[in-house]
Amino acid sequence: VKISGESETNNEMMKNMLLMISLAILFIYLIMVAQFQGLLSPFIVLLTIPLAFTGGLLGLLIAGEELSVMSMMGFLVLAGVGVNNGIVFVDYGVSQKDALVETGVTRMRPILMTALTTVLAMSTMVFSTDTSAQMSRGMAIVTIGGLLYATLMTLFIVPVFYDIFYRRKMKKIDLGDESNLMDEDK
């Protein structure tokens, strides 16, 4: 049995989309490595991509849509747009728990506004009855679901991972014999 025709074309397009998404994630990581001048911060920001993809899949499930080439385009969009919120959060610079909380408070509005504008723009495709909009509905649903989920999770997950990975261990300092120090102070 050989699959051919439209099924073969769809399978080939899905493989190409997976390759493009993988390359997009790699390029995003490399650009962030150059920007942040380190390997760990970009990795933490990339943790928002699985969150965005989970939200996109949940969006498809809730809407009853199938995974299609157009919805895969939505995942490609999420790979780029989803890390935006993490970059905005991280770019402020965090080093301690207080800085994490302050970053969350001061950056929450820009993060929510970027996500909301994209969600509202995509919602026109979801609710449109136009035939061309119906074709791209899967992409819009993936983008909306992924952005909503990833935005909320970014505000919690990124600070937690920053705290875990950048926690400084307390160093034990040997002061020697404390009685000798007391004698020297006199």
C-alpha atoms as a PDB file:
ATOM      1  CA  VAL A   1       0.000   0.000   0.000  1.00  0.00           C
ATOM      2  CA  LYS A   2       1.377   3.345  -0.999  1.00  0.00           C
ATOM      3  CA  ILE A   3      -0.054   6.648   0.165  1.00  0.00           C
ATOM      4  CA  SER A   4      -0.238   9.123  -2.684  1.00  0.00           C
ATOM      5  CA  GLY A   5      -2.156  12.084  -3.926  1.00  0.00           C
ATOM      6  CA  GLU A   6      -3.466  14.597  -1.400  1.00  0.00           C
ATOM      7  CA  SER A   7      -2.444  12.497   1.613  1.00  0.00           C
ATOM      8  CA  GLU A   8       1.134  12.320   0.396  1.00  0.00           C
ATOM      9  CA  THR A   9       1.181  16.079  -0.152  1.00  0.00           C
ATOM     10  CA  ASN A  10      -0.236  16.720   3.327  1.00  0.00           C
ATOM     11  CA  ASN A  11       2.320  14.403   4.938  1.00  0.00           C
ATOM     12  CA  GLU A  12       5.146  16.122   3.089  1.00  0.00           C
ATOM     13  CA  MET A  13       3.852  19.556   4.094  1.00  0.00           C
ATOM     14  CA  MET A  14       3.565  18.476   7.757  1.00  0.00           C
ATOM     15  CA  LYS A  15       7.174  17.227   7.702  1.00  0.00           C
ATOM     16  CA  ASN A  16       8.294  20.529   6.197  1.00  0.00           C
ATOM     17  CA  MET A  17       6.341  22.485   8.827  1.00  0.00           C
ATOM     18  CA  LEU A  18       7.960  20.485  11.648  1.00  0.00           C
ATOM     19  CA  LEU A  19      11.371  21.208  10.122  1.00  0.00           C
ATOM     20  CA  MET A  20      10.551  24.926   9.861  1.00  0.00           C
ATOM     21  CA  ILE A  21       9.358  25.043  13.482  1.00  0.00           C
ATOM     22  CA  SER A  22      12.535  23.285  14.630  1.00  0.00           C
ATOM     23  CA  LEU A  23      14.717  25.677  12.669  1.00  0.00           C
ATOM     24  CA  ALA A  24      12.740  28.656  13.970  1.00  0.00           C
ATOM     25  CA  ILE A  25      13.302  27.537  17.574  1.00  0.00           C
ATOM     26  CA  LEU A  26      17.026  27.036  16.897  1.00  0.00           C
ATOM     27  CA  PHE A  27      17.368  30.482  15.279  1.00  0.00           C
ATOM     28  CA  ILE A  28      15.391  32.125  18.093  1.00  0.00           C
ATOM     29  CA  TYR A  29      17.707  30.495  20.638  1.00  0.00           C
ATOM     30  CA  LEU A  30      20.848  31.605  18.789  1.00  0.00           C
ATOM     31  CA  ILE A  31      19.598  35.176  18.494  1.00  0.00           C
ATOM     32  CA  MET A  32      18.803  35.267  22.208  1.00  0.00           C
ATOM     33  CA  VAL A  33      22.237  33.813  23.053  1.00  0.00           C
ATOM     34  CA  ALA A  34      23.805  36.702  21.148  1.00  0.00           C
ATOM     35  CA  GLN A  35      21.471  39.228  22.797  1.00  0.00           C
ATOM     36  CA  PHE A  36      21.788  37.982  26.397  1.00  0.00           C
ATOM     37  CA  GLN A  37      25.430  36.939  25.959  1.00  0.00           C
ATOM     38  CA  GLY A  38      24.844  33.671  27.780  1.00  0.00           C
ATOM     39  CA  LEU A  39      23.288  30.251  27.309  1.00  0.00           C
ATOM     40  CA  LEU A  40      21.072  29.914  30.377  1.00  0.00           C
ATOM     41  CA  SER A  41      18.746  32.928  30.064  1.00  0.00           C
ATOM     42  CA  PRO A  42      17.735  32.054  26.479  1.00  0.00           C
ATOM     43  CA  PHE A  43      17.104  28.465  27.567  1.00  0.00           C
ATOM     44  CA  ILE A  44      14.772  29.663  30.324  1.00  0.00           C
ATOM     45  CA  VAL A  45      12.908  31.851  27.823  1.00  0.00           C
ATOM     46  CA  LEU A  46      12.603  28.868  25.442  1.00  0.00           C
ATOM     47  CA  LEU A  47      10.713  27.029  28.182  1.00  0.00           C
ATOM     48  CA  THR A  48       7.743  29.211  27.213  1.00  0.00           C
ATOM     49  CA  ILE A  49       7.516  27.482  23.811  1.00  0.00           C
ATOM     50  CA  PRO A  50       6.235  24.125  25.151  1.00  0.00           C
ATOM     51  CA  LEU A  51       3.742  26.111  27.223  1.00  0.00           C
ATOM     52  CA  ALA A  52       2.576  27.949  24.116  1.00  0.00           C
ATOM     53  CA  PHE A  53       2.326  24.702  22.145  1.00  0.00           C
ATOM     54  CA  THR A  54       0.313  23.106  24.953  1.00  0.00           C
ATOM     55  CA  GLY A  55      -2.078  26.050  24.886  1.00  0.00           C
ATOM     56  CA  GLY A  56      -2.354  25.759  21.095  1.00  0.00           C
ATOM     57  CA  LEU A  57      -3.226  22.071  21.318  1.00  0.00           C
ATOM     58  CA  LEU A  58      -5.767  22.798  24.062  1.00  0.00           C
ATOM     59  CA  GLY A  59      -7.273  25.498  21.842  1.00  0.00           C
ATOM     60  CA  LEU A  60      -7.660  23.002  18.973  1.00  0.00           C
ATOM     61  CA  LEU A  61      -9.182  20.459  21.334  1.00  0.00           C
ATOM     62  CA  ILE A  62     -11.692  22.917  22.795  1.00  0.00           C
ATOM     63  CA  ALA A  63     -12.652  24.249  19.359  1.00  0.00           C
ATOM     64  CA  GLY A  64     -12.956  20.746  17.916  1.00  0.00           C
ATOM     65  CA  GLU A  65     -10.500  21.547  15.111  1.00  0.00           C
ATOM     66  CA  GLU A  66      -8.071  19.068  13.595  1.00  0.00           C
ATOM     67  CA  LEU A  67      -4.323  19.416  13.425  1.00  0.00           C
ATOM     68  CA  SER A  68      -3.759  20.703   9.894  1.00  0.00           C
ATOM     69  CA  VAL A  69      -1.097  22.456   7.892  1.00  0.00           C
ATOM     70  CA  MET A  70      -2.698  25.808   8.742  1.00  0.00           C
ATOM     71  CA  SER A  71      -2.728  25.001  12.451  1.00  0.00           C
ATOM     72  CA  MET A  72       0.942  24.051  12.121  1.00  0.00           C
ATOM     73  CA  MET A  73       1.450  27.577  10.762  1.00  0.00           C
ATOM     74  CA  GLY A  74      -0.072  28.735  14.040  1.00  0.00           C
ATOM     75  CA  PHE A  75       2.586  26.766  15.925  1.00  0.00           C
ATOM     76  CA  LEU A  76       5.248  28.424  13.781  1.00  0.00           C
ATOM     77  CA  VAL A  77       3.795  31.816  14.707  1.00  0.00           C
ATOM     78  CA  LEU A  78       3.768  30.769  18.384  1.00  0.00           C
ATOM     79  CA  ALA A  79       7.444  29.839  18.266  1.00  0.00           C
ATOM     80  CA  GLY A  80       8.263  33.479  17.563  1.00  0.00           C
ATOM     81  CA  VAL A  81       5.510  35.355  19.334  1.00  0.00           C
ATOM     82  CA  GLY A  82       5.408  33.093  22.382  1.00  0.00           C
ATOM     83  CA  VAL A  83       8.975  33.873  23.424  1.00  0.00           C
ATOM     84  CA  ASN A  84       8.278  37.609  23.214  1.00  0.00           C
ATOM     85  CA  ASN A  85       6.681  37.627  26.647  1.00  0.00           C
ATOM     86  CA  GLY A  86       9.593  35.738  28.136  1.00  0.00           C
ATOM     87  CA  ILE A  87      12.068  38.137  26.533  1.00  0.00           C
ATOM     88  CA  VAL A  88      10.168  41.150  27.832  1.00  0.00           C
ATOM     89  CA  PHE A  89      10.209  39.577  31.291  1.00  0.00           C
ATOM     90  CA  VAL A  90      13.880  38.594  31.235  1.00  0.00           C
ATOM     91  CA  ASP A  91      15.220  41.687  29.494  1.00  0.00           C
ATOM     92  CA  TYR A  92      14.387  43.770  32.563  1.00  0.00           C
ATOM     93  CA  GLY A  93      17.164  41.952  34.388  1.00  0.00           C
ATOM     94  CA  VAL A  94      16.585  39.746  37.377  1.00  0.00           C
ATOM     95  CA  SER A  95      19.002  38.556  39.971  1.00  0.00           C
ATOM     96  CA  GLN A  96      17.083  38.152  43.220  1.00  0.00           C
ATOM     97  CA  LYS A  97      13.586  37.283  44.399  1.00  0.00           C
ATOM     98  CA  ASP A  98      12.768  40.959  44.967  1.00  0.00           C
ATOM     99  CA  ALA A  99      13.868  41.774  41.433  1.00  0.00           C
ATOM    100  CA  LEU A 100      11.723  38.904  40.112  1.00  0.00           C
ATOM    101  CA  VAL A 101       8.652  40.258  41.859  1.00  0.00           C
ATOM    102  CA  GLU A 102       9.361  43.818  40.712  1.00  0.00           C
ATOM    103  CA  THR A 103       9.901  42.627  37.155  1.00  0.00           C
ATOM    104  CA  GLY A 104       6.590  40.760  37.246  1.00  0.00           C
ATOM    105  CA  VAL A 105       4.757  43.831  38.473  1.00  0.00           C
ATOM    106  CA  THR A 106       6.359  46.351  36.115  1.00  0.00           C
ATOM    107  CA  ARG A 107       6.345  44.124  33.028  1.00  0.00           C
ATOM    108  CA  MET A 108       2.916  42.564  33.489  1.00  0.00           C
ATOM    109  CA  ARG A 109       1.123  45.342  31.621  1.00  0.00           C
ATOM    110  CA  PRO A 110       3.315  45.239  28.474  1.00  0.00           C
ATOM    111  CA  ILE A 111       3.200  41.433  28.439  1.00  0.00           C
ATOM    112  CA  LEU A 112      -0.590  41.375  28.743  1.00  0.00           C
ATOM    113  CA  MET A 113      -1.026  44.149  26.161  1.00  0.00           C
ATOM    114  CA  THR A 114       1.100  42.399  23.525  1.00  0.00           C
ATOM    115  CA  ALA A 115      -0.729  39.136  24.039  1.00  0.00           C
ATOM    116  CA  LEU A 116      -4.148  40.814  24.074  1.00  0.00           C
ATOM    117  CA  THR A 117      -3.576  42.735  20.844  1.00  0.00           C
ATOM    118  CA  THR A 118      -2.493  39.576  19.035  1.00  0.00           C
ATOM    119  CA  VAL A 119      -5.415  37.581  20.456  1.00  0.00           C
ATOM    120  CA  LEU A 120      -7.922  40.261  19.430  1.00  0.00           C
ATOM    121  CA  ALA A 121      -6.439  40.480  15.930  1.00  0.00           C
ATOM    122  CA  MET A 122      -6.627  36.697  15.500  1.00  0.00           C
ATOM    123  CA  SER A 123     -10.152  36.488  16.906  1.00  0.00           C
ATOM    124  CA  THR A 124     -11.479  38.070  13.728  1.00  0.00           C
ATOM    125  CA  MET A 125     -10.355  34.948  11.839  1.00  0.00           C
ATOM    126  CA  VAL A 126     -11.909  32.614  14.394  1.00  0.00           C
ATOM    127  CA  PHE A 127     -15.348  34.220  14.316  1.00  0.00           C
ATOM    128  CA  SER A 128     -15.464  35.204  10.642  1.00  0.00           C
ATOM    129  CA  THR A 129     -17.855  33.329   8.353  1.00  0.00           C
ATOM    130  CA  ASP A 130     -15.822  34.163   5.257  1.00  0.00           C
ATOM    131  CA  THR A 131     -14.482  31.114   3.390  1.00  0.00           C
ATOM    132  CA  SER A 132     -10.900  32.341   3.389  1.00  0.00           C
ATOM    133  CA  ALA A 133     -11.065  32.918   7.157  1.00  0.00           C
ATOM    134  CA  GLN A 134     -12.437  29.420   7.669  1.00  0.00           C
ATOM    135  CA  MET A 135      -9.313  27.982   6.051  1.00  0.00           C
ATOM    136  CA  SER A 136      -7.038  29.835   8.458  1.00  0.00           C
ATOM    137  CA  ARG A 137      -9.222  29.280  11.524  1.00  0.00           C
ATOM    138  CA  GLY A 138      -6.906  26.524  12.809  1.00  0.00           C
ATOM    139  CA  MET A 139      -3.926  28.882  12.753  1.00  0.00           C
ATOM    140  CA  ALA A 140      -5.874  31.545  14.632  1.00  0.00           C
ATOM    141  CA  ILE A 141      -7.120  29.072  17.257  1.00  0.00           C
ATOM    142  CA  VAL A 142      -3.615  27.714  17.867  1.00  0.00           C
ATOM    143  CA  THR A 143      -2.189  31.217  18.145  1.00  0.00           C
ATOM    144  CA  ILE A 144      -4.905  32.425  20.523  1.00  0.00           C
ATOM    145  CA  GLY A 145      -4.853  29.325  22.720  1.00  0.00           C
ATOM    146  CA  GLY A 146      -1.078  29.232  22.835  1.00  0.00           C
ATOM    147  CA  LEU A 147      -0.695  32.917  23.620  1.00  0.00           C
ATOM    148  CA  LEU A 148      -3.311  32.941  26.359  1.00  0.00           C
ATOM    149  CA  TYR A 149      -1.878  29.888  28.078  1.00  0.00           C
ATOM    150  CA  ALA A 150       1.767  30.835  27.615  1.00  0.00           C
ATOM    151  CA  THR A 151       1.206  34.416  28.775  1.00  0.00           C
ATOM    152  CA  LEU A 152      -0.331  33.340  32.044  1.00  0.00           C
ATOM    153  CA  MET A 153       2.258  30.633  32.588  1.00  0.00           C
ATOM    154  CA  THR A 154       5.167  32.927  31.656  1.00  0.00           C
ATOM    155  CA  LEU A 155       4.311  35.188  34.561  1.00  0.00           C
ATOM    156  CA  PHE A 156       4.787  32.215  36.898  1.00  0.00           C
ATOM    157  CA  ILE A 157       7.157  29.753  35.218  1.00  0.00           C
ATOM    158  CA  VAL A 158       9.928  32.095  34.031  1.00  0.00           C
ATOM    159  CA  PRO A 159      10.466  33.648  37.495  1.00  0.00           C
ATOM    160  CA  VAL A 160      10.465  30.225  39.133  1.00  0.00           C
ATOM    161  CA  PHE A 161      13.083  28.869  36.727  1.00  0.00           C
ATOM    162  CA  TYR A 162      15.171  32.022  37.059  1.00  0.00           C
ATOM    163  CA  ASP A 163      15.106  31.624  40.812  1.00  0.00           C
ATOM    164  CA  ILE A 164      16.066  27.948  40.541  1.00  0.00           C
ATOM    165  CA  PHE A 165      18.874  28.369  37.991  1.00  0.00           C
ATOM    166  CA  TYR A 166      20.324  31.611  39.297  1.00  0.00           C
ATOM    167  CA  ARG A 167      20.085  30.869  43.004  1.00  0.00           C
ATOM    168  CA  ARG A 168      23.442  31.504  44.532  1.00  0.00           C
ATOM    169  CA  LYS A 169      24.664  28.994  47.017  1.00  0.00           C
ATOM    170  CA  MET A 170      25.895  30.391  50.291  1.00  0.00           C
ATOM    171  CA  LYS A 171      29.624  30.039  50.685  1.00  0.00           C
ATOM    172  CA  LYS A 172      31.056  28.820  53.940  1.00  0.00           C
ATOM    173  CA  ILE A 173      33.833  31.100  55.092  1.00  0.00           C
ATOM    174  CA  ASP A 174      36.403  29.797  57.522  1.00  0.00           C
ATOM    175  CA  LEU A 175      37.177  32.496  60.042  1.00  0.00           C
ATOM    176  CA  GLY A 176      39.672  30.362  61.884  1.00  0.00           C
ATOM    177  CA  ASP A 177      39.644  30.245  65.639  1.00  0.00           C
ATOM    178  CA  GLU A 178      37.221  32.856  66.905  1.00  0.00           C
ATOM    179  CA  SER A 179      39.080  33.233  70.225  1.00  0.00           C
ATOM    180  CA  ASN A 180      42.178  34.426  68.334  1.00  0.00           C
ATOM    181  CA  LEU A 181      40.074  37.056  66.552  1.00  0.00           C
ATOM    182  CA  MET A 182      38.768  38.359  69.885  1.00  0.00           C
ATOM    183  CA  ASP A 183      42.332  38.683  71.232  1.00  0.00           C
ATOM    184  CA  GLU A 184      43.493  40.570  68.108  1.00  0.00           C
ATOM    185  CA  ASP A 185      40.615  43.073  68.386  1.00  0.00           C
ATOM    186  CA  LYS A 186      41.718  44.101  71.916  1.00  0.00           C
END
